[in-house]
N, C-alpha and C. Protein backbone atom coordinates (compact mmCIF):
# COMPACT_ATOMS: atom_id res chain seq x y z
N UNK A 1 -0.81 -14.72 16.52
CA UNK A 1 -0.44 -13.64 17.43
C UNK A 1 1.05 -13.32 17.34
N UNK A 2 1.85 -14.36 17.15
CA UNK A 2 3.30 -14.13 17.07
C UNK A 2 3.65 -13.29 15.85
N UNK A 3 3.03 -13.60 14.70
CA UNK A 3 3.31 -12.82 13.49
C UNK A 3 2.77 -11.40 13.61
N UNK A 4 1.64 -11.24 14.29
CA UNK A 4 1.09 -9.90 14.51
C UNK A 4 2.03 -9.06 15.37
N UNK A 5 2.55 -9.65 16.44
CA UNK A 5 3.46 -8.91 17.32
C UNK A 5 4.77 -8.60 16.62
N UNK A 6 5.26 -9.55 15.81
CA UNK A 6 6.50 -9.28 15.08
C UNK A 6 6.31 -8.16 14.06
N UNK A 7 5.15 -8.12 13.43
CA UNK A 7 4.87 -7.06 12.47
C UNK A 7 4.75 -5.71 13.15
N UNK A 8 4.12 -5.70 14.32
CA UNK A 8 3.85 -4.43 15.01
C UNK A 8 5.10 -3.84 15.65
N UNK A 9 5.94 -4.69 16.24
CA UNK A 9 7.04 -4.18 17.05
C UNK A 9 8.42 -4.34 16.41
N UNK A 10 8.50 -4.90 15.22
CA UNK A 10 9.80 -5.02 14.57
C UNK A 10 10.06 -3.81 13.67
N UNK A 11 11.32 -3.61 13.37
CA UNK A 11 11.73 -2.48 12.53
C UNK A 11 11.36 -2.78 11.09
N UNK A 12 10.56 -1.92 10.44
CA UNK A 12 10.18 -2.19 9.05
C UNK A 12 11.28 -1.90 8.05
N UNK A 13 12.37 -1.32 8.50
CA UNK A 13 13.45 -0.95 7.60
C UNK A 13 13.67 0.55 7.55
N UNK A 14 13.58 1.18 8.72
CA UNK A 14 13.76 2.63 8.79
C UNK A 14 15.20 3.00 8.44
N UNK A 15 15.35 3.94 7.54
CA UNK A 15 16.67 4.41 7.12
C UNK A 15 17.10 5.53 8.05
N UNK A 16 18.27 5.44 8.66
CA UNK A 16 18.71 6.51 9.57
C UNK A 16 18.82 7.85 8.87
N UNK A 17 18.47 8.90 9.58
CA UNK A 17 18.55 10.24 9.02
C UNK A 17 20.00 10.71 8.99
N UNK A 18 20.23 11.71 8.18
CA UNK A 18 21.58 12.26 8.07
C UNK A 18 21.96 13.00 9.34
N UNK A 19 23.23 12.92 9.69
CA UNK A 19 23.72 13.67 10.83
C UNK A 19 23.69 15.16 10.53
N UNK A 20 23.69 16.00 11.55
CA UNK A 20 23.63 17.46 11.30
C UNK A 20 24.73 17.96 10.37
N UNK A 21 25.93 17.44 10.53
CA UNK A 21 27.03 17.88 9.66
C UNK A 21 26.80 17.45 8.21
N UNK A 22 26.33 16.22 8.03
CA UNK A 22 26.05 15.73 6.68
C UNK A 22 24.91 16.53 6.03
N UNK A 23 23.85 16.78 6.80
CA UNK A 23 22.72 17.55 6.26
C UNK A 23 23.14 18.96 5.90
N UNK A 24 23.97 19.58 6.73
CA UNK A 24 24.42 20.95 6.45
C UNK A 24 25.28 20.99 5.19
N UNK A 25 26.12 19.96 5.01
CA UNK A 25 26.98 19.92 3.83
C UNK A 25 26.14 19.77 2.56
N UNK A 26 25.13 18.90 2.60
CA UNK A 26 24.29 18.70 1.42
C UNK A 26 23.49 19.96 1.11
N UNK A 27 22.94 20.58 2.15
CA UNK A 27 22.16 21.79 1.95
C UNK A 27 23.03 22.92 1.38
N UNK A 28 24.25 23.04 1.87
CA UNK A 28 25.14 24.09 1.39
C UNK A 28 25.54 23.85 -0.06
N UNK A 29 25.78 22.58 -0.40
CA UNK A 29 26.19 22.27 -1.77
C UNK A 29 25.04 22.45 -2.75
N UNK A 30 23.81 22.17 -2.29
CA UNK A 30 22.67 22.26 -3.20
C UNK A 30 22.12 23.66 -3.32
N UNK A 31 22.23 24.43 -2.27
CA UNK A 31 21.65 25.77 -2.25
C UNK A 31 22.66 26.86 -2.60
N UNK A 32 23.77 26.46 -3.19
CA UNK A 32 24.80 27.46 -3.46
C UNK A 32 24.36 28.53 -4.42
N UNK A 33 23.64 28.16 -5.49
CA UNK A 33 23.23 29.11 -6.51
C UNK A 33 21.74 29.41 -6.47
N UNK A 34 21.06 29.04 -5.41
CA UNK A 34 19.62 29.26 -5.30
C UNK A 34 19.37 30.48 -4.44
N UNK A 35 18.55 31.43 -4.89
CA UNK A 35 18.26 32.63 -4.07
C UNK A 35 17.62 32.25 -2.74
N UNK A 36 17.89 33.03 -1.75
CA UNK A 36 17.36 32.76 -0.43
C UNK A 36 15.84 32.91 -0.42
N UNK A 37 15.19 31.97 0.23
CA UNK A 37 13.73 31.98 0.29
C UNK A 37 13.07 31.12 -0.76
N UNK A 38 13.80 30.67 -1.77
CA UNK A 38 13.25 29.81 -2.80
C UNK A 38 13.71 28.38 -2.59
N UNK A 39 12.79 27.45 -2.86
CA UNK A 39 13.14 26.03 -2.69
C UNK A 39 13.97 25.56 -3.87
N UNK A 40 15.04 24.83 -3.60
CA UNK A 40 15.88 24.36 -4.70
C UNK A 40 15.15 23.33 -5.55
N UNK A 41 15.62 23.11 -6.77
CA UNK A 41 14.98 22.11 -7.64
C UNK A 41 15.13 20.71 -7.06
N UNK A 42 14.33 19.75 -7.56
CA UNK A 42 14.43 18.37 -7.05
C UNK A 42 15.85 17.83 -7.17
N UNK A 43 16.31 17.24 -6.10
CA UNK A 43 17.69 16.74 -6.06
C UNK A 43 17.69 15.26 -6.41
N UNK A 44 18.49 14.92 -7.39
CA UNK A 44 18.59 13.54 -7.85
C UNK A 44 20.06 13.18 -7.95
N UNK A 45 20.39 12.00 -7.44
CA UNK A 45 21.76 11.51 -7.47
C UNK A 45 21.80 10.22 -8.28
N UNK A 46 22.67 10.18 -9.27
CA UNK A 46 22.80 9.00 -10.12
C UNK A 46 23.89 8.08 -9.57
N UNK A 47 23.54 6.83 -9.36
CA UNK A 47 24.49 5.81 -8.92
C UNK A 47 24.39 4.61 -9.85
N UNK A 48 25.45 3.85 -9.92
CA UNK A 48 25.50 2.67 -10.78
C UNK A 48 25.32 1.42 -9.93
N UNK A 49 24.28 0.65 -10.24
CA UNK A 49 23.97 -0.60 -9.55
C UNK A 49 23.82 -1.69 -10.59
N UNK A 50 24.66 -2.71 -10.51
CA UNK A 50 24.63 -3.82 -11.47
C UNK A 50 24.71 -3.31 -12.92
N UNK A 51 25.65 -2.40 -13.13
CA UNK A 51 25.91 -1.83 -14.46
C UNK A 51 24.72 -1.05 -15.01
N UNK A 52 23.86 -0.57 -14.14
CA UNK A 52 22.73 0.25 -14.55
C UNK A 52 22.71 1.54 -13.73
N UNK A 53 22.35 2.63 -14.39
CA UNK A 53 22.27 3.92 -13.72
C UNK A 53 20.91 4.03 -13.02
N UNK A 54 20.95 4.25 -11.72
CA UNK A 54 19.73 4.37 -10.92
C UNK A 54 19.70 5.76 -10.31
N UNK A 55 18.53 6.40 -10.39
CA UNK A 55 18.36 7.74 -9.82
C UNK A 55 17.84 7.64 -8.39
N UNK A 56 18.55 8.27 -7.47
CA UNK A 56 18.15 8.31 -6.07
C UNK A 56 17.52 9.66 -5.77
N UNK A 57 16.32 9.65 -5.21
CA UNK A 57 15.62 10.88 -4.87
C UNK A 57 16.04 11.35 -3.48
N UNK A 58 16.04 12.65 -3.33
CA UNK A 58 16.44 13.26 -2.06
C UNK A 58 15.21 13.49 -1.19
N UNK A 59 15.33 13.15 0.09
CA UNK A 59 14.25 13.38 1.05
C UNK A 59 14.58 14.65 1.83
N UNK A 60 13.71 15.65 1.72
CA UNK A 60 13.94 16.92 2.39
C UNK A 60 13.72 16.84 3.89
N UNK A 61 13.04 15.79 4.35
CA UNK A 61 12.79 15.64 5.79
C UNK A 61 13.94 14.92 6.47
N UNK A 62 14.36 13.80 5.89
CA UNK A 62 15.43 13.00 6.49
C UNK A 62 16.82 13.45 6.04
N UNK A 63 16.87 14.34 5.03
CA UNK A 63 18.15 14.88 4.53
C UNK A 63 19.07 13.79 3.99
N UNK A 64 18.49 12.84 3.29
CA UNK A 64 19.28 11.74 2.71
C UNK A 64 18.78 11.48 1.29
N UNK A 65 19.62 10.80 0.52
CA UNK A 65 19.21 10.27 -0.77
C UNK A 65 18.67 8.87 -0.54
N UNK A 66 17.39 8.69 -0.82
CA UNK A 66 16.75 7.40 -0.55
C UNK A 66 17.24 6.33 -1.52
N UNK A 67 17.47 5.12 -1.04
CA UNK A 67 17.82 4.02 -1.94
C UNK A 67 16.63 3.65 -2.81
N UNK A 68 16.85 2.86 -3.86
CA UNK A 68 15.74 2.47 -4.73
C UNK A 68 14.63 1.76 -3.97
N UNK A 69 13.38 2.05 -4.33
CA UNK A 69 12.16 1.45 -3.80
C UNK A 69 11.87 1.87 -2.36
N UNK A 70 12.62 2.83 -1.85
CA UNK A 70 12.34 3.38 -0.53
C UNK A 70 11.41 4.58 -0.67
N UNK A 71 10.67 4.86 0.39
CA UNK A 71 9.74 5.98 0.37
C UNK A 71 9.60 6.53 1.78
N UNK A 72 9.15 7.78 1.86
CA UNK A 72 8.98 8.43 3.15
C UNK A 72 7.54 8.26 3.62
N UNK A 73 7.37 7.75 4.83
CA UNK A 73 6.04 7.57 5.42
C UNK A 73 5.65 8.85 6.14
N UNK A 74 4.54 9.44 5.73
CA UNK A 74 4.09 10.68 6.34
C UNK A 74 3.56 10.48 7.75
N UNK A 75 3.16 9.26 8.10
CA UNK A 75 2.61 8.98 9.43
C UNK A 75 3.74 8.74 10.43
N UNK A 76 4.67 7.87 10.07
CA UNK A 76 5.81 7.59 10.94
C UNK A 76 6.90 8.66 10.83
N UNK A 77 6.86 9.45 9.74
CA UNK A 77 7.85 10.50 9.49
C UNK A 77 9.25 9.93 9.39
N UNK A 78 9.37 8.80 8.69
CA UNK A 78 10.66 8.16 8.46
C UNK A 78 10.69 7.61 7.04
N UNK A 79 11.88 7.54 6.49
CA UNK A 79 12.08 6.85 5.22
C UNK A 79 12.23 5.36 5.49
N UNK A 80 11.46 4.54 4.78
CA UNK A 80 11.44 3.10 5.00
C UNK A 80 11.94 2.41 3.74
N UNK A 81 12.86 1.48 3.92
CA UNK A 81 13.42 0.74 2.80
C UNK A 81 12.39 -0.23 2.25
N UNK A 82 12.23 -0.22 0.95
CA UNK A 82 11.21 -1.02 0.24
C UNK A 82 9.85 -0.86 0.93
N UNK A 83 9.42 0.38 0.99
CA UNK A 83 8.19 0.74 1.67
C UNK A 83 6.99 0.13 0.95
N UNK A 84 6.14 -0.59 1.71
CA UNK A 84 4.93 -1.18 1.14
C UNK A 84 3.72 -0.30 1.46
N UNK A 85 3.42 -0.13 2.73
CA UNK A 85 2.33 0.75 3.15
C UNK A 85 2.39 0.89 4.67
N UNK A 86 1.64 1.86 5.18
CA UNK A 86 1.49 1.99 6.63
C UNK A 86 0.17 1.35 7.02
N UNK A 87 0.25 0.32 7.83
CA UNK A 87 -0.94 -0.45 8.21
C UNK A 87 -1.47 0.06 9.55
N UNK A 88 -2.67 0.64 9.58
CA UNK A 88 -3.21 1.11 10.87
C UNK A 88 -3.63 -0.02 11.79
N UNK A 89 -3.88 -1.21 11.23
CA UNK A 89 -4.33 -2.33 12.05
C UNK A 89 -3.21 -2.91 12.90
N UNK A 90 -1.99 -2.81 12.42
CA UNK A 90 -0.84 -3.28 13.21
C UNK A 90 -0.09 -2.11 13.84
N UNK A 91 -0.44 -0.89 13.46
CA UNK A 91 0.19 0.29 14.04
C UNK A 91 1.64 0.47 13.67
N UNK A 92 2.01 0.05 12.47
CA UNK A 92 3.42 0.15 12.07
C UNK A 92 3.49 0.16 10.56
N UNK A 93 4.61 0.64 10.05
CA UNK A 93 4.86 0.54 8.62
C UNK A 93 5.19 -0.89 8.24
N UNK A 94 4.89 -1.24 7.01
CA UNK A 94 5.25 -2.54 6.47
C UNK A 94 6.31 -2.30 5.40
N UNK A 95 7.50 -2.82 5.66
CA UNK A 95 8.62 -2.60 4.75
C UNK A 95 9.44 -3.85 4.54
N UNK A 96 10.70 -3.63 4.23
CA UNK A 96 11.57 -4.73 3.85
C UNK A 96 11.78 -5.74 4.97
N UNK A 97 11.90 -5.26 6.21
CA UNK A 97 12.30 -6.14 7.31
C UNK A 97 11.14 -6.85 7.99
N UNK A 98 9.92 -6.35 7.84
CA UNK A 98 8.79 -7.01 8.50
C UNK A 98 7.69 -7.41 7.54
N UNK A 99 7.94 -7.35 6.23
CA UNK A 99 6.89 -7.73 5.27
C UNK A 99 6.58 -9.20 5.36
N UNK A 100 7.59 -10.03 5.60
CA UNK A 100 7.34 -11.48 5.68
C UNK A 100 6.42 -11.81 6.84
N UNK A 101 6.60 -11.12 7.95
CA UNK A 101 5.73 -11.36 9.11
C UNK A 101 4.31 -10.87 8.83
N UNK A 102 4.19 -9.75 8.12
CA UNK A 102 2.87 -9.25 7.77
C UNK A 102 2.15 -10.21 6.84
N UNK A 103 2.87 -10.74 5.87
CA UNK A 103 2.26 -11.69 4.93
C UNK A 103 1.83 -12.96 5.65
N UNK A 104 2.67 -13.47 6.55
CA UNK A 104 2.30 -14.65 7.31
C UNK A 104 1.12 -14.37 8.23
N UNK A 105 1.01 -13.15 8.73
CA UNK A 105 -0.11 -12.78 9.60
C UNK A 105 -1.43 -12.81 8.84
N UNK A 106 -1.50 -12.17 7.68
CA UNK A 106 -2.76 -12.16 6.93
C UNK A 106 -3.05 -13.55 6.35
N UNK A 107 -2.01 -14.33 6.04
CA UNK A 107 -2.23 -15.69 5.55
C UNK A 107 -2.83 -16.57 6.64
N UNK A 108 -2.27 -16.51 7.84
CA UNK A 108 -2.81 -17.30 8.96
C UNK A 108 -4.20 -16.81 9.34
N UNK A 109 -4.44 -15.50 9.26
CA UNK A 109 -5.77 -14.97 9.55
C UNK A 109 -6.79 -15.45 8.52
N UNK A 110 -6.38 -15.56 7.26
CA UNK A 110 -7.28 -16.09 6.24
C UNK A 110 -7.62 -17.55 6.50
N UNK A 111 -6.61 -18.34 6.85
CA UNK A 111 -6.86 -19.76 7.15
C UNK A 111 -7.76 -19.92 8.36
N UNK A 112 -7.57 -19.06 9.37
CA UNK A 112 -8.43 -19.12 10.56
C UNK A 112 -9.87 -18.75 10.22
N UNK A 113 -10.05 -17.74 9.39
CA UNK A 113 -11.40 -17.34 8.99
C UNK A 113 -12.08 -18.43 8.18
N UNK A 114 -11.35 -19.04 7.27
CA UNK A 114 -11.92 -20.15 6.48
C UNK A 114 -12.28 -21.33 7.38
N UNK A 115 -11.43 -21.62 8.36
CA UNK A 115 -11.68 -22.72 9.30
C UNK A 115 -12.96 -22.47 10.11
N UNK A 116 -13.10 -21.26 10.67
CA UNK A 116 -14.28 -20.95 11.47
C UNK A 116 -15.53 -20.95 10.61
N UNK A 117 -15.44 -20.37 9.41
CA UNK A 117 -16.59 -20.32 8.52
C UNK A 117 -17.05 -21.71 8.10
N UNK A 118 -16.10 -22.57 7.78
CA UNK A 118 -16.45 -23.93 7.33
C UNK A 118 -17.10 -24.73 8.43
N UNK A 119 -16.53 -24.72 9.62
CA UNK A 119 -17.07 -25.55 10.70
C UNK A 119 -18.36 -24.97 11.28
N UNK A 120 -18.57 -23.67 11.15
CA UNK A 120 -19.86 -23.10 11.52
C UNK A 120 -20.96 -23.59 10.60
N UNK A 121 -20.65 -23.64 9.30
CA UNK A 121 -21.63 -24.16 8.34
C UNK A 121 -21.92 -25.63 8.62
N UNK A 122 -20.88 -26.40 8.91
CA UNK A 122 -21.07 -27.82 9.21
C UNK A 122 -21.92 -27.99 10.47
N UNK A 123 -21.67 -27.18 11.48
CA UNK A 123 -22.44 -27.27 12.73
C UNK A 123 -23.90 -26.93 12.51
N UNK A 124 -24.15 -25.86 11.71
CA UNK A 124 -25.53 -25.48 11.42
C UNK A 124 -26.23 -26.56 10.61
N UNK A 125 -25.53 -27.13 9.65
CA UNK A 125 -26.14 -28.15 8.80
C UNK A 125 -26.46 -29.43 9.56
N UNK A 126 -25.64 -29.77 10.55
CA UNK A 126 -25.84 -31.03 11.27
C UNK A 126 -26.81 -30.91 12.44
N UNK A 127 -26.72 -29.82 13.15
CA UNK A 127 -27.50 -29.74 14.39
C UNK A 127 -28.71 -28.81 14.33
N UNK A 128 -28.78 -27.93 13.33
CA UNK A 128 -29.86 -26.96 13.27
C UNK A 128 -30.67 -27.08 11.99
N UNK A 129 -30.61 -28.19 11.34
CA UNK A 129 -31.23 -28.31 10.02
C UNK A 129 -32.75 -28.27 10.08
N UNK A 130 -33.35 -28.64 11.19
CA UNK A 130 -34.80 -28.68 11.26
C UNK A 130 -35.43 -27.42 11.78
N UNK A 131 -34.70 -26.38 12.08
CA UNK A 131 -35.23 -25.16 12.66
C UNK A 131 -35.36 -24.07 11.59
N UNK A 132 -36.17 -23.07 11.91
CA UNK A 132 -36.36 -21.95 11.00
C UNK A 132 -35.24 -20.93 11.17
N UNK A 133 -35.23 -19.93 10.29
CA UNK A 133 -34.19 -18.92 10.34
C UNK A 133 -34.28 -18.10 11.62
N UNK A 134 -35.52 -17.75 12.03
CA UNK A 134 -35.69 -16.93 13.24
C UNK A 134 -35.20 -17.68 14.48
N UNK A 135 -35.52 -18.96 14.55
CA UNK A 135 -35.06 -19.73 15.71
C UNK A 135 -33.56 -19.91 15.70
N UNK A 136 -32.97 -19.95 14.51
CA UNK A 136 -31.51 -20.05 14.43
C UNK A 136 -30.85 -18.77 14.93
N UNK A 137 -31.44 -17.62 14.55
CA UNK A 137 -30.85 -16.35 14.99
C UNK A 137 -31.01 -16.13 16.49
N UNK A 138 -32.07 -16.72 17.08
CA UNK A 138 -32.29 -16.60 18.51
C UNK A 138 -31.54 -17.65 19.32
N UNK A 139 -30.80 -18.49 18.63
CA UNK A 139 -30.04 -19.54 19.32
C UNK A 139 -28.95 -18.88 20.16
N UNK A 140 -28.81 -19.23 21.42
CA UNK A 140 -27.79 -18.60 22.27
C UNK A 140 -26.37 -18.80 21.77
N UNK A 141 -26.14 -19.81 20.98
CA UNK A 141 -24.78 -20.06 20.49
C UNK A 141 -24.35 -19.06 19.42
N UNK A 142 -25.31 -18.35 18.83
CA UNK A 142 -25.03 -17.36 17.78
C UNK A 142 -24.22 -17.96 16.63
N UNK A 143 -24.46 -19.24 16.36
CA UNK A 143 -23.67 -19.89 15.31
C UNK A 143 -23.97 -19.31 13.94
N UNK A 144 -25.25 -19.07 13.65
CA UNK A 144 -25.61 -18.52 12.35
C UNK A 144 -25.09 -17.10 12.21
N UNK A 145 -25.15 -16.34 13.30
CA UNK A 145 -24.60 -14.98 13.26
C UNK A 145 -23.10 -15.01 12.98
N UNK A 146 -22.41 -15.98 13.53
CA UNK A 146 -20.99 -16.13 13.25
C UNK A 146 -20.75 -16.47 11.79
N UNK A 147 -21.65 -17.25 11.22
CA UNK A 147 -21.51 -17.60 9.80
C UNK A 147 -21.60 -16.35 8.93
N UNK A 148 -22.57 -15.48 9.22
CA UNK A 148 -22.71 -14.24 8.45
C UNK A 148 -21.49 -13.34 8.64
N UNK A 149 -21.02 -13.21 9.87
CA UNK A 149 -19.86 -12.35 10.12
C UNK A 149 -18.62 -12.90 9.40
N UNK A 150 -18.42 -14.21 9.51
CA UNK A 150 -17.26 -14.81 8.86
C UNK A 150 -17.36 -14.73 7.34
N UNK A 151 -18.59 -14.77 6.82
CA UNK A 151 -18.75 -14.71 5.37
C UNK A 151 -18.27 -13.37 4.82
N UNK A 152 -18.67 -12.27 5.48
CA UNK A 152 -18.24 -10.95 5.01
C UNK A 152 -16.77 -10.68 5.35
N UNK A 153 -16.30 -11.23 6.47
CA UNK A 153 -14.89 -11.07 6.80
C UNK A 153 -14.00 -11.87 5.86
N UNK A 154 -14.55 -12.98 5.39
CA UNK A 154 -13.77 -13.87 4.53
C UNK A 154 -13.33 -13.17 3.26
N UNK A 155 -14.24 -12.38 2.67
CA UNK A 155 -13.91 -11.74 1.41
C UNK A 155 -12.80 -10.69 1.57
N UNK A 156 -12.85 -9.93 2.65
CA UNK A 156 -11.86 -8.88 2.84
C UNK A 156 -10.48 -9.45 3.18
N UNK A 157 -10.45 -10.42 4.11
CA UNK A 157 -9.16 -10.96 4.55
C UNK A 157 -8.53 -11.81 3.45
N UNK A 158 -9.31 -12.71 2.88
CA UNK A 158 -8.78 -13.56 1.81
C UNK A 158 -8.44 -12.72 0.58
N UNK A 159 -9.26 -11.70 0.30
CA UNK A 159 -8.94 -10.82 -0.82
C UNK A 159 -7.64 -10.07 -0.61
N UNK A 160 -7.41 -9.61 0.62
CA UNK A 160 -6.14 -8.94 0.93
C UNK A 160 -4.96 -9.89 0.78
N UNK A 161 -5.14 -11.12 1.25
CA UNK A 161 -4.06 -12.11 1.11
C UNK A 161 -3.78 -12.42 -0.36
N UNK A 162 -4.85 -12.55 -1.14
CA UNK A 162 -4.66 -12.79 -2.57
C UNK A 162 -3.98 -11.64 -3.28
N UNK A 163 -4.32 -10.41 -2.86
CA UNK A 163 -3.69 -9.24 -3.47
C UNK A 163 -2.19 -9.21 -3.18
N UNK A 164 -1.81 -9.49 -1.94
CA UNK A 164 -0.39 -9.47 -1.60
C UNK A 164 0.34 -10.66 -2.20
N UNK A 165 -0.34 -11.79 -2.38
CA UNK A 165 0.28 -12.91 -3.09
C UNK A 165 0.56 -12.52 -4.54
N UNK A 166 -0.36 -11.80 -5.14
CA UNK A 166 -0.17 -11.31 -6.50
C UNK A 166 1.01 -10.35 -6.58
N UNK A 167 1.13 -9.46 -5.58
CA UNK A 167 2.26 -8.52 -5.56
C UNK A 167 3.59 -9.24 -5.38
N UNK A 168 3.60 -10.28 -4.52
CA UNK A 168 4.83 -11.04 -4.31
C UNK A 168 5.26 -11.72 -5.60
N UNK A 169 4.30 -12.25 -6.35
CA UNK A 169 4.63 -12.92 -7.61
C UNK A 169 5.20 -11.94 -8.64
N UNK A 170 4.80 -10.66 -8.56
CA UNK A 170 5.31 -9.65 -9.48
C UNK A 170 6.50 -8.89 -8.92
N UNK A 171 6.89 -9.20 -7.68
CA UNK A 171 7.99 -8.50 -7.00
C UNK A 171 7.70 -7.00 -6.94
N UNK A 172 6.48 -6.66 -6.53
CA UNK A 172 6.07 -5.27 -6.38
C UNK A 172 5.61 -5.02 -4.95
N UNK A 173 5.51 -3.74 -4.61
CA UNK A 173 4.96 -3.34 -3.33
C UNK A 173 3.61 -2.65 -3.56
N UNK A 174 2.87 -2.49 -2.48
CA UNK A 174 1.58 -1.80 -2.59
C UNK A 174 1.76 -0.37 -3.06
N UNK A 175 2.79 0.28 -2.55
CA UNK A 175 3.07 1.67 -2.95
C UNK A 175 3.37 1.77 -4.44
N UNK A 176 4.16 0.85 -4.96
CA UNK A 176 4.48 0.86 -6.39
C UNK A 176 3.24 0.55 -7.23
N UNK A 177 2.41 -0.39 -6.76
CA UNK A 177 1.21 -0.74 -7.50
C UNK A 177 0.24 0.44 -7.56
N UNK A 178 0.10 1.16 -6.45
CA UNK A 178 -0.78 2.33 -6.43
C UNK A 178 -0.26 3.42 -7.34
N UNK A 179 1.06 3.65 -7.34
CA UNK A 179 1.63 4.68 -8.20
C UNK A 179 1.46 4.34 -9.67
N UNK A 180 1.61 3.06 -10.03
CA UNK A 180 1.41 2.65 -11.42
C UNK A 180 -0.04 2.88 -11.84
N UNK A 181 -0.98 2.56 -10.95
CA UNK A 181 -2.39 2.77 -11.28
C UNK A 181 -2.71 4.25 -11.39
N UNK A 182 -2.06 5.10 -10.58
CA UNK A 182 -2.28 6.53 -10.70
C UNK A 182 -1.79 7.05 -12.05
N UNK A 183 -0.63 6.57 -12.48
CA UNK A 183 -0.09 6.99 -13.77
C UNK A 183 -1.01 6.53 -14.90
N UNK A 184 -1.49 5.28 -14.82
CA UNK A 184 -2.39 4.77 -15.86
C UNK A 184 -3.69 5.56 -15.89
N UNK A 185 -4.22 5.89 -14.71
CA UNK A 185 -5.45 6.69 -14.66
C UNK A 185 -5.22 8.09 -15.24
N UNK A 186 -4.08 8.70 -14.93
CA UNK A 186 -3.77 10.02 -15.48
C UNK A 186 -3.67 9.97 -17.00
N UNK A 187 -2.99 8.94 -17.53
CA UNK A 187 -2.86 8.82 -18.99
C UNK A 187 -4.22 8.56 -19.63
N UNK A 188 -5.06 7.76 -18.96
CA UNK A 188 -6.40 7.49 -19.49
C UNK A 188 -7.24 8.76 -19.55
N UNK A 189 -7.20 9.56 -18.46
CA UNK A 189 -7.96 10.80 -18.45
C UNK A 189 -7.40 11.81 -19.44
N UNK A 190 -6.07 11.85 -19.56
CA UNK A 190 -5.46 12.77 -20.52
C UNK A 190 -5.82 12.41 -21.94
N UNK A 191 -5.79 11.11 -22.26
CA UNK A 191 -6.17 10.67 -23.61
C UNK A 191 -7.64 10.98 -23.90
N UNK A 192 -8.51 10.74 -22.90
CA UNK A 192 -9.92 11.06 -23.09
C UNK A 192 -10.15 12.54 -23.29
N UNK A 193 -9.40 13.38 -22.56
CA UNK A 193 -9.53 14.84 -22.73
C UNK A 193 -9.08 15.26 -24.13
N UNK A 194 -7.99 14.68 -24.62
CA UNK A 194 -7.49 15.04 -25.95
C UNK A 194 -8.52 14.68 -27.03
N UNK A 195 -9.08 13.44 -26.92
CA UNK A 195 -10.07 13.04 -27.91
C UNK A 195 -11.33 13.90 -27.82
N UNK A 196 -11.73 14.27 -26.60
CA UNK A 196 -12.90 15.14 -26.43
C UNK A 196 -12.63 16.52 -27.04
N UNK A 197 -11.41 17.03 -26.84
CA UNK A 197 -11.06 18.33 -27.39
C UNK A 197 -11.06 18.30 -28.92
N UNK A 198 -10.47 17.23 -29.49
CA UNK A 198 -10.44 17.11 -30.95
C UNK A 198 -11.84 16.98 -31.53
N UNK A 199 -12.69 16.21 -30.84
CA UNK A 199 -14.07 16.05 -31.31
C UNK A 199 -14.82 17.37 -31.24
N UNK A 200 -14.63 18.11 -30.15
CA UNK A 200 -15.31 19.40 -30.01
C UNK A 200 -14.79 20.41 -31.02
N UNK A 201 -13.49 20.41 -31.22
CA UNK A 201 -12.89 21.42 -32.11
C UNK A 201 -13.25 21.16 -33.57
N UNK A 202 -13.24 19.88 -33.99
CA UNK A 202 -13.44 19.56 -35.40
C UNK A 202 -14.91 19.34 -35.77
N UNK A 203 -15.74 19.02 -34.79
CA UNK A 203 -17.13 18.69 -35.12
C UNK A 203 -18.08 19.80 -34.72
N UNK A 204 -17.97 20.26 -33.50
CA UNK A 204 -18.93 21.23 -33.01
C UNK A 204 -18.59 22.65 -33.43
N UNK A 205 -17.30 22.96 -33.51
CA UNK A 205 -16.92 24.33 -33.86
C UNK A 205 -17.37 24.75 -35.26
N UNK A 206 -17.23 23.89 -36.30
CA UNK A 206 -17.75 24.31 -37.61
C UNK A 206 -19.26 24.53 -37.59
N UNK A 207 -20.00 23.79 -36.76
CA UNK A 207 -21.43 23.96 -36.72
C UNK A 207 -21.82 25.31 -36.12
N UNK A 208 -21.02 25.79 -35.18
CA UNK A 208 -21.33 27.08 -34.56
C UNK A 208 -21.02 28.27 -35.49
N UNK A 209 -20.13 28.04 -36.46
CA UNK A 209 -19.76 29.11 -37.38
C UNK A 209 -20.69 29.20 -38.59
N UNK A 210 -21.61 28.25 -38.70
CA UNK A 210 -22.50 28.26 -39.84
C UNK A 210 -23.61 29.33 -39.68
């Protein structure tokens, strides 16, 4: 409960928005040569971090250049530093400042689910071994029903914990992992379309001209 409350009510790493004077200065500098009514091109600012050039993207809502690995949450309407995802179960964004509490929450929830599932099985095996399935389901203790519920809950909670453990080992966020998979899917579909086009153009087209 403590990790859940810390995740829900702590600051995920919200980046303060630009002051009105700062936003007006940036807008004036960027829109100087852009006709009125047209949106300016994407704004990118190059900064040097550890002897490497890093591109900072501009947020049109917060009027700031976002630091690396930050993203704008459409639900909270804020830019969050090292944005992971917006979790509806905790009612808050998960970012740089509360990710550790979120990870500890799902880890403790996984251990609790495994504990309940294991001891429910032990209880059924020791005290209900001589009864039929129907009599077990009609048992007022609902122990067998708890076993079924914990079994299906176990896969989702433990799977989520394993997924975030994998991301921690790669030093990635959920948002970055999803974007990488989107790019890979786009390249896969694009490659398949190219091969389909070449096959259609070189194989089927000569047959139609015969």
